[in-house]
Amino acid sequence: MENLFAYGTLKDKEVQETIFGRVLTGTPDKLVGYAIKEINIEEEFGVIGYPIITETKNPEDTISGILYKLSPRELQLADTYEGIHYKRIQVVLHSKETVWTYSAAI
């Protein structure tokens, strides 16, 4: 199984049903030393703002999210969902779990 930390749309049950064909069960956790910024992505009906994590190295900056366990195939489906504007990176959560999450693909 793969660990995935979700802080944005991947926490949404409808999004999970669409991507994975099921609702995920996860555990609340935090990412320390990061803040959420916003990136604008041009979509079919205009420009939409999406959350993106940025490392600050400040221990007072935290992002709350959910830690999910995914199969390797489900992780690939998440990669496809996130698209070209995001890249998957490894981080260590407050719980000391090493996980995948998504950051800007810049």
PDB file of N, CA and C in Angstrom:
ATOM      1  N   MET A   1       0.839  -1.188   0.000  1.00  0.00           N
ATOM      2  CA  MET A   1       0.000   0.000   0.000  1.00  0.00           C
ATOM      3  C   MET A   1       0.887   1.256   0.000  1.00  0.00           C
ATOM      4  N   GLU A   2       0.336   2.310  -0.533  1.00  0.00           N
ATOM      5  CA  GLU A   2       1.025   3.597  -0.615  1.00  0.00           C
ATOM      6  C   GLU A   2       0.329   4.599   0.307  1.00  0.00           C
ATOM      7  N   ASN A   3       1.104   5.436   0.994  1.00  0.00           N
ATOM      8  CA  ASN A   3       0.557   6.486   1.842  1.00  0.00           C
ATOM      9  C   ASN A   3       0.391   7.760   1.023  1.00  0.00           C
ATOM     10  N   LEU A   4      -0.800   8.351   1.077  1.00  0.00           N
ATOM     11  CA  LEU A   4      -1.068   9.608   0.379  1.00  0.00           C
ATOM     12  C   LEU A   4      -1.684  10.594   1.355  1.00  0.00           C
ATOM     13  N   PHE A   5      -1.104  11.785   1.442  1.00  0.00           N
ATOM     14  CA  PHE A   5      -1.635  12.867   2.267  1.00  0.00           C
ATOM     15  C   PHE A   5      -2.430  13.799   1.370  1.00  0.00           C
ATOM     16  N   ALA A   6      -3.721  13.927   1.657  1.00  0.00           N
ATOM     17  CA  ALA A   6      -4.593  14.796   0.873  1.00  0.00           C
ATOM     18  C   ALA A   6      -4.951  16.025   1.698  1.00  0.00           C
ATOM     19  N   TYR A   7      -4.867  17.194   1.071  1.00  0.00           N
ATOM     20  CA  TYR A   7      -5.166  18.452   1.750  1.00  0.00           C
ATOM     21  C   TYR A   7      -6.172  19.293   0.974  1.00  0.00           C
ATOM     22  N   GLY A   8      -6.559  18.826  -0.200  1.00  0.00           N
ATOM     23  CA  GLY A   8      -7.462  19.598  -1.060  1.00  0.00           C
ATOM     24  C   GLY A   8      -8.600  18.743  -1.578  1.00  0.00           C
ATOM     25  N   THR A   9      -8.794  18.776  -2.890  1.00  0.00           N
ATOM     26  CA  THR A   9      -9.954  18.117  -3.495  1.00  0.00           C
ATOM     27  C   THR A   9      -9.954  16.601  -3.341  1.00  0.00           C
ATOM     28  N   LEU A  10      -8.796  15.987  -3.123  1.00  0.00           N
ATOM     29  CA  LEU A  10      -8.772  14.528  -2.943  1.00  0.00           C
ATOM     30  C   LEU A  10      -9.417  14.088  -1.637  1.00  0.00           C
ATOM     31  N   LYS A  11      -9.752  15.031  -0.754  1.00  0.00           N
ATOM     32  CA  LYS A  11     -10.486  14.696   0.467  1.00  0.00           C
ATOM     33  C   LYS A  11     -11.989  14.591   0.202  1.00  0.00           C
ATOM     34  N   ASP A  12     -12.443  15.104  -0.929  1.00  0.00           N
ATOM     35  CA  ASP A  12     -13.869  15.148  -1.262  1.00  0.00           C
ATOM     36  C   ASP A  12     -14.385  13.762  -1.643  1.00  0.00           C
ATOM     37  N   LYS A  13     -15.466  13.329  -0.997  1.00  0.00           N
ATOM     38  CA  LYS A  13     -16.013  11.987  -1.223  1.00  0.00           C
ATOM     39  C   LYS A  13     -16.481  11.783  -2.665  1.00  0.00           C
ATOM     40  N   GLU A  14     -17.068  12.814  -3.277  1.00  0.00           N
ATOM     41  CA  GLU A  14     -17.521  12.699  -4.674  1.00  0.00           C
ATOM     42  C   GLU A  14     -16.328  12.560  -5.618  1.00  0.00           C
ATOM     43  N   VAL A  15     -15.271  13.296  -5.354  1.00  0.00           N
ATOM     44  CA  VAL A  15     -14.052  13.192  -6.163  1.00  0.00           C
ATOM     45  C   VAL A  15     -13.470  11.787  -6.020  1.00  0.00           C
ATOM     46  N   GLN A  16     -13.425  11.278  -4.792  1.00  0.00           N
ATOM     47  CA  GLN A  16     -12.905   9.927  -4.548  1.00  0.00           C
ATOM     48  C   GLN A  16     -13.725   8.873  -5.298  1.00  0.00           C
ATOM     49  N   GLU A  17     -15.048   8.985  -5.252  1.00  0.00           N
ATOM     50  CA  GLU A  17     -15.916   8.041  -5.977  1.00  0.00           C
ATOM     51  C   GLU A  17     -15.602   8.063  -7.468  1.00  0.00           C
ATOM     52  N   THR A  18     -15.404   9.260  -8.007  1.00  0.00           N
ATOM     53  CA  THR A  18     -15.124   9.403  -9.435  1.00  0.00           C
ATOM     54  C   THR A  18     -13.767   8.804  -9.800  1.00  0.00           C
ATOM     55  N   ILE A  19     -12.749   9.091  -9.001  1.00  0.00           N
ATOM     56  CA  ILE A  19     -11.391   8.646  -9.329  1.00  0.00           C
ATOM     57  C   ILE A  19     -11.163   7.176  -9.013  1.00  0.00           C
ATOM     58  N   PHE A  20     -11.536   6.773  -7.790  1.00  0.00           N
ATOM     59  CA  PHE A  20     -11.178   5.447  -7.291  1.00  0.00           C
ATOM     60  C   PHE A  20     -12.329   4.445  -7.307  1.00  0.00           C
ATOM     61  N   GLY A  21     -13.551   4.937  -7.542  1.00  0.00           N
ATOM     62  CA  GLY A  21     -14.714   4.055  -7.511  1.00  0.00           C
ATOM     63  C   GLY A  21     -15.130   3.667  -6.104  1.00  0.00           C
ATOM     64  N   ARG A  22     -14.613   4.404  -5.116  1.00  0.00           N
ATOM     65  CA  ARG A  22     -14.954   4.147  -3.716  1.00  0.00           C
ATOM     66  C   ARG A  22     -14.631   5.381  -2.891  1.00  0.00           C
ATOM     67  N   VAL A  23     -15.209   5.439  -1.696  1.00  0.00           N
ATOM     68  CA  VAL A  23     -14.873   6.491  -0.748  1.00  0.00           C
ATOM     69  C   VAL A  23     -13.744   5.965   0.127  1.00  0.00           C
ATOM     70  N   LEU A  24     -12.689   6.766   0.264  1.00  0.00           N
ATOM     71  CA  LEU A  24     -11.519   6.349   1.031  1.00  0.00           C
ATOM     72  C   LEU A  24     -11.732   6.557   2.532  1.00  0.00           C
ATOM     73  N   THR A  25     -11.093   5.719   3.327  1.00  0.00           N
ATOM     74  CA  THR A  25     -11.070   5.879   4.775  1.00  0.00           C
ATOM     75  C   THR A  25      -9.665   6.314   5.151  1.00  0.00           C
ATOM     76  N   GLY A  26      -9.570   7.374   5.929  1.00  0.00           N
ATOM     77  CA  GLY A  26      -8.252   7.886   6.271  1.00  0.00           C
ATOM     78  C   GLY A  26      -8.151   8.331   7.707  1.00  0.00           C
ATOM     79  N   THR A  27      -6.970   8.849   8.039  1.00  0.00           N
ATOM     80  CA  THR A  27      -6.653   9.307   9.383  1.00  0.00           C
ATOM     81  C   THR A  27      -6.215  10.769   9.318  1.00  0.00           C
ATOM     82  N   PRO A  28      -6.780  11.634  10.153  1.00  0.00           N
ATOM     83  CA  PRO A  28      -6.327  13.029  10.166  1.00  0.00           C
ATOM     84  C   PRO A  28      -4.846  13.115  10.552  1.00  0.00           C
ATOM     85  N   ASP A  29      -4.134  14.026   9.908  1.00  0.00           N
ATOM     86  CA  ASP A  29      -2.717  14.236  10.210  1.00  0.00           C
ATOM     87  C   ASP A  29      -2.367  15.651   9.789  1.00  0.00           C
ATOM     88  N   LYS A  30      -1.121  16.054  10.041  1.00  0.00           N
ATOM     89  CA  LYS A  30      -0.668  17.404   9.710  1.00  0.00           C
ATOM     90  C   LYS A  30       0.684  17.345   9.011  1.00  0.00           C
ATOM     91  N   LEU A  31       0.886  18.296   8.136  1.00  0.00           N
ATOM     92  CA  LEU A  31       2.171  18.510   7.496  1.00  0.00           C
ATOM     93  C   LEU A  31       2.755  19.784   8.097  1.00  0.00           C
ATOM     94  N   VAL A  32       3.899  19.657   8.744  1.00  0.00           N
ATOM     95  CA  VAL A  32       4.521  20.771   9.466  1.00  0.00           C
ATOM     96  C   VAL A  32       5.617  21.395   8.604  1.00  0.00           C
ATOM     97  N   GLY A  33       5.690  22.740   8.627  1.00  0.00           N
ATOM     98  CA  GLY A  33       6.711  23.445   7.862  1.00  0.00           C
ATOM     99  C   GLY A  33       6.289  23.745   6.435  1.00  0.00           C
ATOM    100  N   TYR A  34       4.988  23.683   6.198  1.00  0.00           N
ATOM    101  CA  TYR A  34       4.433  23.974   4.879  1.00  0.00           C
ATOM    102  C   TYR A  34       3.216  24.880   5.042  1.00  0.00           C
ATOM    103  N   ALA A  35       2.914  25.653   4.002  1.00  0.00           N
ATOM    104  CA  ALA A  35       1.723  26.491   3.963  1.00  0.00           C
ATOM    105  C   ALA A  35       1.006  26.246   2.638  1.00  0.00           C
ATOM    106  N   ILE A  36      -0.273  26.558   2.626  1.00  0.00           N
ATOM    107  CA  ILE A  36      -1.048  26.417   1.387  1.00  0.00           C
ATOM    108  C   ILE A  36      -1.089  27.755   0.665  1.00  0.00           C
ATOM    109  N   LYS A  37      -0.723  27.706  -0.595  1.00  0.00           N
ATOM    110  CA  LYS A  37      -0.841  28.857  -1.499  1.00  0.00           C
ATOM    111  C   LYS A  37      -1.920  28.481  -2.516  1.00  0.00           C
ATOM    112  N   GLU A  38      -2.101  29.299  -3.500  1.00  0.00           N
ATOM    113  CA  GLU A  38      -3.080  28.994  -4.545  1.00  0.00           C
ATOM    114  C   GLU A  38      -2.423  29.152  -5.906  1.00  0.00           C
ATOM    115  N   ILE A  39      -2.712  28.200  -6.788  1.00  0.00           N
ATOM    116  CA  ILE A  39      -2.282  28.354  -8.179  1.00  0.00           C
ATOM    117  C   ILE A  39      -3.536  28.463  -9.031  1.00  0.00           C
ATOM    118  N   ASN A  40      -3.431  29.213 -10.104  1.00  0.00           N
ATOM    119  CA  ASN A  40      -4.540  29.373 -11.031  1.00  0.00           C
ATOM    120  C   ASN A  40      -4.307  28.464 -12.226  1.00  0.00           C
ATOM    121  N   ILE A  41      -5.323  27.663 -12.519  1.00  0.00           N
ATOM    122  CA  ILE A  41      -5.250  26.727 -13.637  1.00  0.00           C
ATOM    123  C   ILE A  41      -6.382  27.043 -14.603  1.00  0.00           C
ATOM    124  N   GLU A  42      -6.019  27.212 -15.870  1.00  0.00           N
ATOM    125  CA  GLU A  42      -7.029  27.481 -16.888  1.00  0.00           C
ATOM    126  C   GLU A  42      -7.740  26.184 -17.240  1.00  0.00           C
ATOM    127  N   GLU A  43      -9.054  26.218 -17.102  1.00  0.00           N
ATOM    128  CA  GLU A  43      -9.880  25.060 -17.423  1.00  0.00           C
ATOM    129  C   GLU A  43     -10.865  25.441 -18.513  1.00  0.00           C
ATOM    130  N   GLU A  44     -11.701  24.518 -18.866  1.00  0.00           N
ATOM    131  CA  GLU A  44     -12.640  24.700 -19.972  1.00  0.00           C
ATOM    132  C   GLU A  44     -13.505  25.945 -19.819  1.00  0.00           C
ATOM    133  N   PHE A  45     -13.929  26.249 -18.586  1.00  0.00           N
ATOM    134  CA  PHE A  45     -14.853  27.356 -18.372  1.00  0.00           C
ATOM    135  C   PHE A  45     -14.209  28.557 -17.688  1.00  0.00           C
ATOM    136  N   GLY A  46     -12.881  28.637 -17.703  1.00  0.00           N
ATOM    137  CA  GLY A  46     -12.197  29.784 -17.116  1.00  0.00           C
ATOM    138  C   GLY A  46     -11.048  29.366 -16.223  1.00  0.00           C
ATOM    139  N   VAL A  47     -10.502  30.339 -15.525  1.00  0.00           N
ATOM    140  CA  VAL A  47      -9.370  30.104 -14.623  1.00  0.00           C
ATOM    141  C   VAL A  47      -9.912  29.825 -13.225  1.00  0.00           C
ATOM    142  N   ILE A  48      -9.415  28.748 -12.625  1.00  0.00           N
ATOM    143  CA  ILE A  48      -9.859  28.343 -11.291  1.00  0.00           C
ATOM    144  C   ILE A  48      -8.646  28.250 -10.376  1.00  0.00           C
ATOM    145  N   GLY A  49      -8.816  28.707  -9.139  1.00  0.00           N
ATOM    146  CA  GLY A  49      -7.743  28.633  -8.148  1.00  0.00           C
ATOM    147  C   GLY A  49      -7.780  27.308  -7.414  1.00  0.00           C
ATOM    148  N   TYR A  50      -6.623  26.679  -7.257  1.00  0.00           N
ATOM    149  CA  TYR A  50      -6.494  25.405  -6.544  1.00  0.00           C
ATOM    150  C   TYR A  50      -5.423  25.531  -5.473  1.00  0.00           C
ATOM    151  N   PRO A  51      -5.593  24.807  -4.352  1.00  0.00           N
ATOM    152  CA  PRO A  51      -4.571  24.860  -3.299  1.00  0.00           C
ATOM    153  C   PRO A  51      -3.313  24.115  -3.709  1.00  0.00           C
ATOM    154  N   ILE A  52      -2.187  24.631  -3.216  1.00  0.00           N
ATOM    155  CA  ILE A  52      -0.902  23.993  -3.473  1.00  0.00           C
ATOM    156  C   ILE A  52      -0.019  24.201  -2.241  1.00  0.00           C
ATOM    157  N   ILE A  53       0.743  23.177  -1.872  1.00  0.00           N
ATOM    158  CA  ILE A  53       1.609  23.324  -0.703  1.00  0.00           C
ATOM    159  C   ILE A  53       2.934  23.946  -1.104  1.00  0.00           C
ATOM    160  N   THR A  54       3.479  24.740  -0.174  1.00  0.00           N
ATOM    161  CA  THR A  54       4.777  25.366  -0.357  1.00  0.00           C
ATOM    162  C   THR A  54       5.569  25.184   0.928  1.00  0.00           C
ATOM    163  N   GLU A  55       6.781  24.690   0.816  1.00  0.00           N
ATOM    164  CA  GLU A  55       7.601  24.498   2.002  1.00  0.00           C
ATOM    165  C   GLU A  55       8.056  25.844   2.547  1.00  0.00           C
ATOM    166  N   THR A  56       7.864  26.052   3.853  1.00  0.00           N
ATOM    167  CA  THR A  56       8.302  27.280   4.517  1.00  0.00           C
ATOM    168  C   THR A  56       9.431  27.007   5.514  1.00  0.00           C
ATOM    169  N   LYS A  57       9.539  25.769   5.968  1.00  0.00           N
ATOM    170  CA  LYS A  57      10.487  25.343   7.006  1.00  0.00           C
ATOM    171  C   LYS A  57      10.201  25.998   8.358  1.00  0.00           C
ATOM    172  N   ASN A  58       9.075  26.680   8.468  1.00  0.00           N
ATOM    173  CA  ASN A  58       8.654  27.288   9.723  1.00  0.00           C
ATOM    174  C   ASN A  58       7.771  26.285  10.464  1.00  0.00           C
ATOM    175  N   PRO A  59       8.190  25.803  11.658  1.00  0.00           N
ATOM    176  CA  PRO A  59       7.408  24.799  12.366  1.00  0.00           C
ATOM    177  C   PRO A  59       6.031  25.282  12.814  1.00  0.00           C
ATOM    178  N   GLU A  60       5.801  26.590  12.758  1.00  0.00           N
ATOM    179  CA  GLU A  60       4.476  27.117  13.105  1.00  0.00           C
ATOM    180  C   GLU A  60       3.493  26.997  11.945  1.00  0.00           C
ATOM    181  N   ASP A  61       3.992  26.777  10.730  1.00  0.00           N
ATOM    182  CA  ASP A  61       3.131  26.587   9.563  1.00  0.00           C
ATOM    183  C   ASP A  61       2.733  25.117   9.474  1.00  0.00           C
ATOM    184  N   THR A  62       1.441  24.850   9.457  1.00  0.00           N
ATOM    185  CA  THR A  62       0.959  23.472   9.336  1.00  0.00           C
ATOM    186  C   THR A  62      -0.203  23.412   8.366  1.00  0.00           C
ATOM    187  N   ILE A  63      -0.351  22.251   7.763  1.00  0.00           N
ATOM    188  CA  ILE A  63      -1.475  21.978   6.873  1.00  0.00           C
ATOM    189  C   ILE A  63      -2.186  20.747   7.414  1.00  0.00           C
ATOM    190  N   SER A  64      -3.469  20.893   7.679  1.00  0.00           N
ATOM    191  CA  SER A  64      -4.273  19.754   8.120  1.00  0.00           C
ATOM    192  C   SER A  64      -4.780  19.007   6.899  1.00  0.00           C
ATOM    193  N   GLY A  65      -4.783  17.695   7.001  1.00  0.00           N
ATOM    194  CA  GLY A  65      -5.269  16.872   5.899  1.00  0.00           C
ATOM    195  C   GLY A  65      -5.582  15.473   6.383  1.00  0.00           C
ATOM    196  N   ILE A  66      -5.684  14.572   5.430  1.00  0.00           N
ATOM    197  CA  ILE A  66      -6.030  13.182   5.724  1.00  0.00           C
ATOM    198  C   ILE A  66      -4.986  12.269   5.099  1.00  0.00           C
ATOM    199  N   LEU A  67      -4.539  11.290   5.874  1.00  0.00           N
ATOM    200  CA  LEU A  67      -3.615  10.262   5.400  1.00  0.00           C
ATOM    201  C   LEU A  67      -4.432   9.068   4.934  1.00  0.00           C
ATOM    202  N   TYR A  68      -4.289   8.714   3.669  1.00  0.00           N
ATOM    203  CA  TYR A  68      -4.996   7.579   3.078  1.00  0.00           C
ATOM    204  C   TYR A  68      -4.001   6.496   2.686  1.00  0.00           C
ATOM    205  N   LYS A  69      -4.454   5.262   2.701  1.00  0.00           N
ATOM    206  CA  LYS A  69      -3.683   4.120   2.202  1.00  0.00           C
ATOM    207  C   LYS A  69      -4.301   3.751   0.847  1.00  0.00           C
ATOM    208  N   LEU A  70      -3.472   3.781  -0.198  1.00  0.00           N
ATOM    209  CA  LEU A  70      -3.933   3.486  -1.554  1.00  0.00           C
ATOM    210  C   LEU A  70      -3.132   2.340  -2.144  1.00  0.00           C
ATOM    211  N   SER A  71      -3.738   1.645  -3.071  1.00  0.00           N
ATOM    212  CA  SER A  71      -2.997   0.649  -3.841  1.00  0.00           C
ATOM    213  C   SER A  71      -2.103   1.396  -4.831  1.00  0.00           C
ATOM    214  N   PRO A  72      -1.058   0.744  -5.359  1.00  0.00           N
ATOM    215  CA  PRO A  72      -0.233   1.412  -6.376  1.00  0.00           C
ATOM    216  C   PRO A  72      -1.068   1.895  -7.566  1.00  0.00           C
ATOM    217  N   ARG A  73      -2.069   1.128  -7.959  1.00  0.00           N
ATOM    218  CA  ARG A  73      -2.934   1.532  -9.079  1.00  0.00           C
ATOM    219  C   ARG A  73      -3.732   2.786  -8.730  1.00  0.00           C
ATOM    220  N   GLU A  74      -4.249   2.847  -7.501  1.00  0.00           N
ATOM    221  CA  GLU A  74      -5.000   4.030  -7.085  1.00  0.00           C
ATOM    222  C   GLU A  74      -4.098   5.264  -7.031  1.00  0.00           C
ATOM    223  N   LEU A  75      -2.846   5.083  -6.641  1.00  0.00           N
ATOM    224  CA  LEU A  75      -1.910   6.203  -6.636  1.00  0.00           C
ATOM    225  C   LEU A  75      -1.690   6.723  -8.061  1.00  0.00           C
ATOM    226  N   GLN A  76      -1.613   5.820  -9.021  1.00  0.00           N
ATOM    227  CA  GLN A  76      -1.496   6.232 -10.429  1.00  0.00           C
ATOM    228  C   GLN A  76      -2.748   6.993 -10.872  1.00  0.00           C
ATOM    229  N   LEU A  77      -3.917   6.547 -10.425  1.00  0.00           N
ATOM    230  CA  LEU A  77      -5.161   7.248 -10.757  1.00  0.00           C
ATOM    231  C   LEU A  77      -5.161   8.657 -10.166  1.00  0.00           C
ATOM    232  N   ALA A  78      -4.623   8.793  -8.947  1.00  0.00           N
ATOM    233  CA  ALA A  78      -4.512  10.119  -8.322  1.00  0.00           C
ATOM    234  C   ALA A  78      -3.566  11.009  -9.126  1.00  0.00           C
ATOM    235  N   ASP A  79      -2.460  10.441  -9.612  1.00  0.00           N
ATOM    236  CA  ASP A  79      -1.522  11.199 -10.457  1.00  0.00           C
ATOM    237  C   ASP A  79      -2.234  11.733 -11.699  1.00  0.00           C
ATOM    238  N   THR A  80      -3.016  10.886 -12.324  1.00  0.00           N
ATOM    239  CA  THR A  80      -3.750  11.293 -13.529  1.00  0.00           C
ATOM    240  C   THR A  80      -4.732  12.403 -13.197  1.00  0.00           C
ATOM    241  N   TYR A  81      -5.439  12.256 -12.085  1.00  0.00           N
ATOM    242  CA  TYR A  81      -6.402  13.280 -11.658  1.00  0.00           C
ATOM    243  C   TYR A  81      -5.710  14.619 -11.435  1.00  0.00           C
ATOM    244  N   GLU A  82      -4.570  14.615 -10.762  1.00  0.00           N
ATOM    245  CA  GLU A  82      -3.880  15.865 -10.443  1.00  0.00           C
ATOM    246  C   GLU A  82      -3.325  16.547 -11.691  1.00  0.00           C
ATOM    247  N   GLY A  83      -2.993  15.799 -12.715  1.00  0.00           N
ATOM    248  CA  GLY A  83      -2.623  16.382 -13.996  1.00  0.00           C
ATOM    249  C   GLY A  83      -1.235  16.997 -14.044  1.00  0.00           C
ATOM    250  N   ILE A  84      -1.015  17.799 -15.077  1.00  0.00           N
ATOM    251  CA  ILE A  84       0.315  18.326 -15.378  1.00  0.00           C
ATOM    252  C   ILE A  84       0.747  19.463 -14.467  1.00  0.00           C
ATOM    253  N   HIS A  85      -0.177  20.079 -13.739  1.00  0.00           N
ATOM    254  CA  HIS A  85       0.165  21.223 -12.901  1.00  0.00           C
ATOM    255  C   HIS A  85       0.692  20.816 -11.525  1.00  0.00           C
ATOM    256  N   TYR A  86       0.546  19.532 -11.197  1.00  0.00           N
ATOM    257  CA  TYR A  86       0.991  19.020  -9.904  1.00  0.00           C
ATOM    258  C   TYR A  86       2.005  17.905 -10.106  1.00  0.00           C
ATOM    259  N   LYS A  87       2.910  17.770  -9.113  1.00  0.00           N
ATOM    260  CA  LYS A  87       3.836  16.634  -9.111  1.00  0.00           C
ATOM    261  C   LYS A  87       3.730  15.968  -7.742  1.00  0.00           C
ATOM    262  N   ARG A  88       3.976  14.678  -7.720  1.00  0.00           N
ATOM    263  CA  ARG A  88       3.924  13.925  -6.469  1.00  0.00           C
ATOM    264  C   ARG A  88       5.290  13.993  -5.805  1.00  0.00           C
ATOM    265  N   ILE A  89       5.301  14.363  -4.520  1.00  0.00           N
ATOM    266  CA  ILE A  89       6.540  14.448  -3.751  1.00  0.00           C
ATOM    267  C   ILE A  89       6.374  13.666  -2.445  1.00  0.00           C
ATOM    268  N   GLN A  90       7.500  13.279  -1.840  1.00  0.00           N
ATOM    269  CA  GLN A  90       7.447  12.620  -0.535  1.00  0.00           C
ATOM    270  C   GLN A  90       7.744  13.629   0.562  1.00  0.00           C
ATOM    271  N   VAL A  91       6.955  13.541   1.635  1.00  0.00           N
ATOM    272  CA  VAL A  91       7.126  14.395   2.810  1.00  0.00           C
ATOM    273  C   VAL A  91       6.933  13.531   4.052  1.00  0.00           C
ATOM    274  N   VAL A  92       7.323  14.074   5.195  1.00  0.00           N
ATOM    275  CA  VAL A  92       7.119  13.385   6.473  1.00  0.00           C
ATOM    276  C   VAL A  92       6.095  14.186   7.271  1.00  0.00           C
ATOM    277  N   LEU A  93       5.048  13.505   7.717  1.00  0.00           N
ATOM    278  CA  LEU A  93       3.974  14.153   8.462  1.00  0.00           C
ATOM    279  C   LEU A  93       4.325  14.294   9.940  1.00  0.00           C
ATOM    280  N   HIS A  94       3.493  15.011  10.656  1.00  0.00           N
ATOM    281  CA  HIS A  94       3.629  15.182  12.098  1.00  0.00           C
ATOM    282  C   HIS A  94       3.687  13.832  12.812  1.00  0.00           C
ATOM    283  N   SER A  95       2.956  12.837  12.306  1.00  0.00           N
ATOM    284  CA  SER A  95       2.925  11.482  12.885  1.00  0.00           C
ATOM    285  C   SER A  95       4.184  10.684  12.580  1.00  0.00           C
ATOM    286  N   LYS A  96       5.107  11.283  11.816  1.00  0.00           N
ATOM    287  CA  LYS A  96       6.369  10.655  11.379  1.00  0.00           C
ATOM    288  C   LYS A  96       6.189   9.678  10.218  1.00  0.00           C
ATOM    289  N   GLU A  97       4.979   9.599   9.665  1.00  0.00           N
ATOM    290  CA  GLU A  97       4.733   8.768   8.476  1.00  0.00           C
ATOM    291  C   GLU A  97       5.335   9.459   7.253  1.00  0.00           C
ATOM    292  N   THR A  98       6.041   8.699   6.422  1.00  0.00           N
ATOM    293  CA  THR A  98       6.513   9.200   5.139  1.00  0.00           C
ATOM    294  C   THR A  98       5.405   8.937   4.126  1.00  0.00           C
ATOM    295  N   VAL A  99       5.015   9.988   3.413  1.00  0.00           N
ATOM    296  CA  VAL A  99       3.847   9.907   2.534  1.00  0.00           C
ATOM    297  C   VAL A  99       4.119  10.612   1.212  1.00  0.00           C
ATOM    298  N   TRP A 100       3.262  10.316   0.250  1.00  0.00           N
ATOM    299  CA  TRP A 100       3.213  11.082  -0.984  1.00  0.00           C
ATOM    300  C   TRP A 100       2.188  12.195  -0.803  1.00  0.00           C
ATOM    301  N   THR A 101       2.431  13.332  -1.436  1.00  0.00           N
ATOM    302  CA  THR A 101       1.449  14.403  -1.550  1.00  0.00           C
ATOM    303  C   THR A 101       1.742  15.136  -2.849  1.00  0.00           C
ATOM    304  N   TYR A 102       0.945  16.141  -3.148  1.00  0.00           N
ATOM    305  CA  TYR A 102       1.107  16.848  -4.420  1.00  0.00           C
ATOM    306  C   TYR A 102       1.492  18.307  -4.194  1.00  0.00           C
ATOM    307  N   SER A 103       2.443  18.759  -5.004  1.00  0.00           N
ATOM    308  CA  SER A 103       2.915  20.133  -4.976  1.00  0.00           C
ATOM    309  C   SER A 103       2.941  20.663  -6.416  1.00  0.00           C
ATOM    310  N   ALA A 104       3.247  21.927  -6.573  1.00  0.00           N
ATOM    311  CA  ALA A 104       3.281  22.526  -7.915  1.00  0.00           C
ATOM    312  C   ALA A 104       4.348  21.853  -8.765  1.00  0.00           C
ATOM    313  N   ALA A 105       4.055  21.654 -10.015  1.00  0.00           N
ATOM    314  CA  ALA A 105       4.975  20.987 -10.948  1.00  0.00           C
ATOM    315  C   ALA A 105       5.970  21.958 -11.559  1.00  0.00           C
ATOM    316  N   ILE A 106       6.155  23.093 -10.951  1.00  0.00           N
ATOM    317  CA  ILE A 106       7.069  24.120 -11.481  1.00  0.00           C
ATOM    318  C   ILE A 106       8.502  23.717 -11.263  1.00  0.00           C
TER     319      ILE A 106
END
